[in-house]
């Protein structure tokens, strides 16, 4: 397949057939985005007030599960790019100061080294002025600045915006399925998980929490276990503290 600007017409023809999300992302990575030497690529769409992944390449299954749903309360550079509707590009020497990166710092340090990532790109996907998703890329070279590279990225994200918002893409159906089946390591906590952690903060025992929420004690324990797994701790109080630091326990 032709790469770079020359690959755009072929990519757009492929997109017009409304292929599945994984095939579309692979076509973008192997076509117009190929000159950037991508190590990973991922598309998230807006769903239930969260960023929900609908396609990813280059990530391990564990990472795909971990970052499949990104709630808006957690400070991430993806959300910063979405809110500003501006492309954000960081290099290998730039430290990601977002809360999520701090929690998973050891993991991401190993990923960046293993994949020899040189630059990370977060490119909002918009349609008719509204951000409908975001494209995340990790590249094995310094991201070139200039009209040509900016034009390629803009053309790809614009095309993705058209694709996402067309019902034939089934993007929202896929996002809904991912959101509903998010795994135990996801930080997109349920309302009850958040309530349980707030009560742990208040010093309540599991039995008292179960009584207050009118659920079984085993349900409370299950909620805590999932939260502790997601927050990489075996201590209920540490889980509550971490969740508070991430912004997950802010009152609605």
Foldseek 3Di string as FASTA:
>chain_A
DAEAPVQLVVLLVVVVVLDAPAVSQVSLCVHNVVVQAFQKKWKFFQDPQWTATRYMPNDDPVVCLAVRTGHLQFFFVLNVCQVVQHKDKDFPPDDGPTLVCVLCVVVVVVVCVVSQFTMKIWHFQDDPPHGGIIMITTGNDHQDDDDRSVVSSVSSSPSVNVSCPDVSNCNRVSRVVCVVCRDLLYPPADPLLLQLLVVVCVVDDLVVSCVVVVHDSVVSVVSQVSLCNNSVHPDSNVSSVSCVVRRNNDDD
